[in-house]
Amino acid sequence: MSLYLYAIINTLGYRPLHLTAHLHKMWEGAQTLYGTTPSQTEVEVEQMIMDRLSEERMPRGGNTIELRAEQSGGHWTLSLHNPTPTIYEGYSYLSLRPSAVIINHELPFSRWRTSCSALTTEFGADFAERQEAGVAIRADRNGNFVSCGDNPLFCVRNGVVYTLPVSSGGRDSVERDLMFRLCALAGVPIIESFTPIDNLGGEWDEIIIFEPCGVRSIGSCSGYTLDYSTALRLEQFVHKLL
């Protein structure tokens, strides 16, 4: 399998949300890994997405769609995959609180969503299912929480949100940026810091992930029951992220 960069883009009325930011991060990854970027403009990509959702006769409410950028022979190809309807319009608080297990896995090019991280996400989902858990949370070699699949992860202690810095292996994504915006709207402090898994069951009160269409609180992790009071506070403001 060749390496590709990708983003899962939330849409509303077929219109891709925060497309400028998604493309900026994908193009940044392309420049870093290959020294070149795709030639398509934002207007062209937006039209691609809207046309595909229309052709698939997707509902005009909320959908997500995967945008891939693959380089071969010096040429970039953009493709769209997995258009999926959601029950949400814009960004929401996702009420299902899954149980989680921890996997320790290091990724190459860990800053961006790539085909490597997509395979790791599939492996994590299979592992979680075998452990009768809902999701798998990835930890790095230093024992820090990193992500849930390819979604950014946030730990909460005493009402303060913590997330691993990108410079220390945290995932750089539009969803991560939206979480910073959401915390600002809700008046919740958020700090870039190490997020040791050893604090589970002791200092960490909550684990929150930001998925392509909103915020989800983890119900339990490795047998430890988690709170969700900060997540409920964020729920009041998440609709303002459009």
Protein backbone atom coordinates (compact mmCIF):
# COMPACT_ATOMS: atom_id res chain seq x y z
CA MET A 1 0.00 0.00 0.00
CA SER A 2 1.33 3.43 -0.92
CA LEU A 3 1.45 6.21 1.64
CA TYR A 4 -1.36 8.75 1.44
CA LEU A 5 -2.53 11.66 3.57
CA TYR A 6 -6.17 11.97 4.46
CA ALA A 7 -8.79 13.94 6.34
CA ILE A 8 -12.31 13.05 7.42
CA ILE A 9 -14.37 16.12 6.70
CA ASN A 10 -17.66 17.00 8.35
CA THR A 11 -20.28 18.47 6.02
CA LEU A 12 -23.59 20.25 6.40
CA GLY A 13 -25.95 20.64 3.46
CA TYR A 14 -23.17 19.08 1.33
CA ARG A 15 -20.90 22.00 2.29
CA PRO A 16 -17.57 20.87 3.79
CA LEU A 17 -16.90 22.50 7.16
CA HIS A 18 -13.50 24.07 7.90
CA LEU A 19 -12.19 22.94 4.51
CA THR A 20 -9.51 25.65 4.45
CA ALA A 21 -8.02 24.31 7.67
CA HIS A 22 -8.21 20.68 6.54
CA LEU A 23 -6.41 21.43 3.28
CA HIS A 24 -3.79 23.55 5.04
CA LYS A 25 -2.83 20.62 7.28
CA MET A 26 -2.88 18.08 4.45
CA TRP A 27 -0.83 20.32 2.16
CA GLU A 28 1.62 20.97 5.01
CA GLY A 29 2.07 17.22 5.42
CA ALA A 30 2.50 16.78 1.67
CA GLN A 31 5.17 19.49 1.55
CA THR A 32 7.03 17.95 4.50
CA LEU A 33 6.92 14.36 3.24
CA TYR A 34 7.27 14.92 -0.51
CA GLY A 35 8.42 18.48 -1.07
CA THR A 36 5.38 19.22 -3.25
CA THR A 37 1.66 19.80 -2.76
CA PRO A 38 -1.47 18.97 -4.80
CA SER A 39 -2.41 21.58 -7.37
CA GLN A 40 -6.15 21.57 -6.73
CA THR A 41 -7.64 24.73 -5.25
CA GLU A 42 -10.00 24.87 -2.31
CA VAL A 43 -12.87 25.77 -4.65
CA GLU A 44 -12.16 22.67 -6.77
CA VAL A 45 -12.01 20.38 -3.73
CA GLU A 46 -15.22 21.83 -2.32
CA GLN A 47 -16.98 21.18 -5.62
CA MET A 48 -15.61 17.61 -5.70
CA ILE A 49 -17.10 16.94 -2.28
CA MET A 50 -20.46 18.52 -3.01
CA ASP A 51 -20.76 16.67 -6.34
CA ARG A 52 -19.89 13.32 -4.75
CA LEU A 53 -22.42 13.70 -1.94
CA SER A 54 -25.06 14.70 -4.47
CA GLU A 55 -24.24 11.75 -6.76
CA GLU A 56 -24.51 9.36 -3.81
CA ARG A 57 -27.89 10.91 -2.91
CA MET A 58 -26.71 11.50 0.64
CA PRO A 59 -29.10 13.28 3.03
CA ARG A 60 -28.68 17.04 3.04
CA GLY A 61 -28.14 17.13 6.80
CA GLY A 62 -24.86 15.98 8.27
CA ASN A 63 -22.38 13.71 6.48
CA THR A 64 -18.70 12.91 6.74
CA ILE A 65 -16.45 12.08 3.81
CA GLU A 66 -12.81 11.03 3.58
CA LEU A 67 -10.48 13.05 1.35
CA ARG A 68 -7.24 11.32 0.33
CA ALA A 69 -4.14 12.83 -1.28
CA GLU A 70 -1.82 10.26 -2.84
CA GLN A 71 1.46 10.96 -4.62
CA SER A 72 2.80 8.70 -7.37
CA GLY A 73 5.42 9.40 -10.00
CA GLY A 74 5.59 13.04 -9.01
CA HIS A 75 1.87 13.56 -9.47
CA TRP A 76 -0.83 14.04 -6.84
CA THR A 77 -4.23 12.39 -7.00
CA LEU A 78 -7.15 13.44 -4.80
CA SER A 79 -9.95 10.97 -4.17
CA LEU A 80 -13.05 10.76 -2.01
CA HIS A 81 -14.09 7.73 0.06
CA ASN A 82 -16.67 6.49 2.55
CA PRO A 83 -19.42 9.13 2.45
CA THR A 84 -21.31 8.47 5.66
CA PRO A 85 -24.50 10.07 6.98
CA THR A 86 -24.58 11.24 10.58
CA ILE A 87 -27.50 12.12 12.83
CA TYR A 88 -25.86 15.47 13.60
CA GLU A 89 -25.97 18.82 11.86
CA GLY A 90 -22.63 20.50 12.35
CA TYR A 91 -20.81 19.63 15.58
CA SER A 92 -22.50 18.01 18.55
CA TYR A 93 -21.97 16.26 21.86
CA LEU A 94 -21.95 12.54 21.01
CA SER A 95 -23.91 10.87 23.78
CA LEU A 96 -22.62 7.29 23.56
CA ARG A 97 -19.79 6.87 26.11
CA PRO A 98 -17.76 3.81 25.07
CA SER A 99 -15.38 1.77 27.18
CA ALA A 100 -11.73 1.92 26.11
CA VAL A 101 -8.60 -0.20 26.20
CA ILE A 102 -5.02 1.01 25.79
CA ILE A 103 -2.64 -0.03 23.01
CA ASN A 104 1.02 0.97 22.88
CA HIS A 105 2.05 1.79 19.35
CA GLU A 106 4.42 4.26 17.70
CA LEU A 107 3.60 5.71 14.30
CA PRO A 108 5.85 7.05 11.54
CA PHE A 109 4.91 10.58 10.44
CA SER A 110 2.75 10.72 13.56
CA ARG A 111 1.83 14.38 13.18
CA TRP A 112 -0.55 13.74 10.26
CA ARG A 113 -3.34 11.39 9.33
CA THR A 114 -1.79 8.94 6.87
CA SER A 115 -2.43 5.44 5.51
CA CYS A 116 -0.12 4.22 8.31
CA SER A 117 -2.30 5.76 11.01
CA ALA A 118 -5.43 4.46 9.24
CA LEU A 119 -4.08 0.90 9.47
CA THR A 120 -3.27 1.44 13.14
CA THR A 121 -6.83 2.66 13.70
CA GLU A 122 -8.17 -0.53 12.10
CA PHE A 123 -5.87 -2.65 14.26
CA GLY A 124 -6.99 -0.77 17.37
CA ALA A 125 -10.66 -1.27 16.52
CA ASP A 126 -10.11 -5.02 16.06
CA PHE A 127 -8.17 -5.22 19.32
CA ALA A 128 -10.86 -3.31 21.21
CA GLU A 129 -13.55 -5.64 19.87
CA ARG A 130 -11.59 -8.70 20.99
CA GLN A 131 -11.32 -7.13 24.45
CA GLU A 132 -15.06 -6.39 24.42
CA ALA A 133 -14.37 -2.65 24.53
CA GLY A 134 -15.77 0.11 22.35
CA VAL A 135 -12.57 1.89 21.34
CA ALA A 136 -8.79 1.65 21.63
CA ILE A 137 -6.72 4.52 22.98
CA ARG A 138 -3.15 4.78 21.73
CA ALA A 139 -0.22 5.46 24.07
CA ASP A 140 3.35 6.22 23.01
CA ARG A 141 6.64 4.69 24.18
CA ASN A 142 6.91 7.35 26.88
CA GLY A 143 3.62 6.28 28.44
CA ASN A 144 1.51 9.25 27.31
CA PHE A 145 -2.02 9.12 25.98
CA VAL A 146 -1.86 10.23 22.34
CA SER A 147 -5.08 9.59 20.42
CA CYS A 148 -8.18 7.49 20.05
CA GLY A 149 -7.80 6.02 16.61
CA ASP A 150 -6.90 9.04 14.50
CA ASN A 151 -8.89 11.42 16.71
CA PRO A 152 -7.16 13.77 19.18
CA LEU A 153 -7.47 12.88 22.85
CA PHE A 154 -7.76 15.11 25.91
CA CYS A 155 -7.41 14.25 29.60
CA VAL A 156 -9.17 16.23 32.33
CA ARG A 157 -8.09 16.86 35.92
CA ASN A 158 -10.06 19.15 38.25
CA GLY A 159 -11.81 20.83 35.34
CA VAL A 160 -8.59 21.54 33.39
CA VAL A 161 -8.07 19.90 30.00
CA TYR A 162 -4.63 18.54 29.07
CA THR A 163 -3.38 17.34 25.69
CA LEU A 164 -0.03 16.15 24.41
CA PRO A 165 1.85 18.87 22.46
CA VAL A 166 2.28 18.26 18.73
CA SER A 167 6.03 18.71 19.25
CA SER A 168 5.93 15.71 21.63
CA GLY A 169 3.93 13.44 19.33
CA GLY A 170 0.41 14.80 19.67
CA ARG A 171 -1.82 14.59 16.60
CA ASP A 172 -2.11 17.81 14.59
CA SER A 173 -5.62 18.07 13.22
CA VAL A 174 -8.54 20.38 12.63
CA GLU A 175 -10.38 18.59 15.44
CA ARG A 176 -7.56 19.40 17.86
CA ASP A 177 -7.78 23.07 16.89
CA LEU A 178 -11.56 23.00 17.31
CA MET A 179 -11.16 21.62 20.84
CA PHE A 180 -9.00 24.62 21.75
CA ARG A 181 -11.71 26.91 20.33
CA LEU A 182 -14.42 25.02 22.19
CA CYS A 183 -12.60 25.26 25.51
CA ALA A 184 -12.19 29.00 24.99
CA LEU A 185 -15.92 29.37 24.30
CA ALA A 186 -16.81 27.35 27.40
CA GLY A 187 -14.26 29.03 29.66
CA VAL A 188 -12.49 25.70 30.27
CA PRO A 189 -8.69 25.91 30.73
CA ILE A 190 -6.70 23.79 28.28
CA ILE A 191 -2.98 23.11 28.61
CA GLU A 192 -0.46 21.38 26.36
CA SER A 193 1.32 18.94 28.65
CA PHE A 194 2.37 15.33 29.00
CA THR A 195 -0.58 13.00 29.55
CA PRO A 196 0.78 9.95 31.42
CA ILE A 197 -1.33 6.82 31.41
CA ASP A 198 -0.05 6.16 34.95
CA ASN A 199 -2.41 8.91 36.12
CA LEU A 200 -5.42 6.85 35.04
CA GLY A 201 -7.44 5.89 38.09
CA GLY A 202 -5.77 8.61 40.10
CA GLU A 203 -5.42 12.11 38.68
CA TRP A 204 -7.38 11.87 35.41
CA ASP A 205 -11.09 12.46 35.98
CA GLU A 206 -12.18 12.36 32.33
CA ILE A 207 -10.98 11.40 28.86
CA ILE A 208 -12.52 13.28 25.94
CA ILE A 209 -12.00 12.75 22.23
CA PHE A 210 -12.91 15.05 19.38
CA GLU A 211 -14.30 13.12 16.43
CA PRO A 212 -15.01 14.59 12.97
CA CYS A 213 -18.56 15.51 13.98
CA GLY A 214 -18.15 16.37 17.64
CA VAL A 215 -17.06 15.68 21.21
CA ARG A 216 -17.27 12.28 22.88
CA SER A 217 -16.57 11.36 26.49
CA ILE A 218 -15.03 7.97 27.32
CA GLY A 219 -17.09 6.03 29.87
CA SER A 220 -14.28 3.86 31.23
CA CYS A 221 -10.71 2.96 30.39
CA SER A 222 -8.96 -0.27 31.36
CA GLY A 223 -11.54 -0.86 34.07
CA TYR A 224 -11.51 2.67 35.55
CA THR A 225 -14.85 4.52 35.46
CA LEU A 226 -14.55 8.10 34.21
CA ASP A 227 -16.55 11.26 34.87
CA TYR A 228 -18.07 13.46 32.15
CA SER A 229 -18.92 16.76 33.87
CA THR A 230 -16.46 18.81 31.78
CA ALA A 231 -17.75 17.19 28.61
CA LEU A 232 -21.27 18.25 29.55
CA ARG A 233 -20.03 21.81 30.03
CA LEU A 234 -18.51 21.73 26.55
CA GLU A 235 -21.79 20.38 25.17
CA GLN A 236 -23.43 23.76 25.71
CA PHE A 237 -21.05 25.46 23.24
CA VAL A 238 -20.12 22.82 20.65
CA HIS A 239 -22.84 23.96 18.23
CA LYS A 240 -20.99 27.30 17.88
CA LEU A 241 -18.07 25.69 16.05
CA LEU A 242 -19.65 25.99 12.58
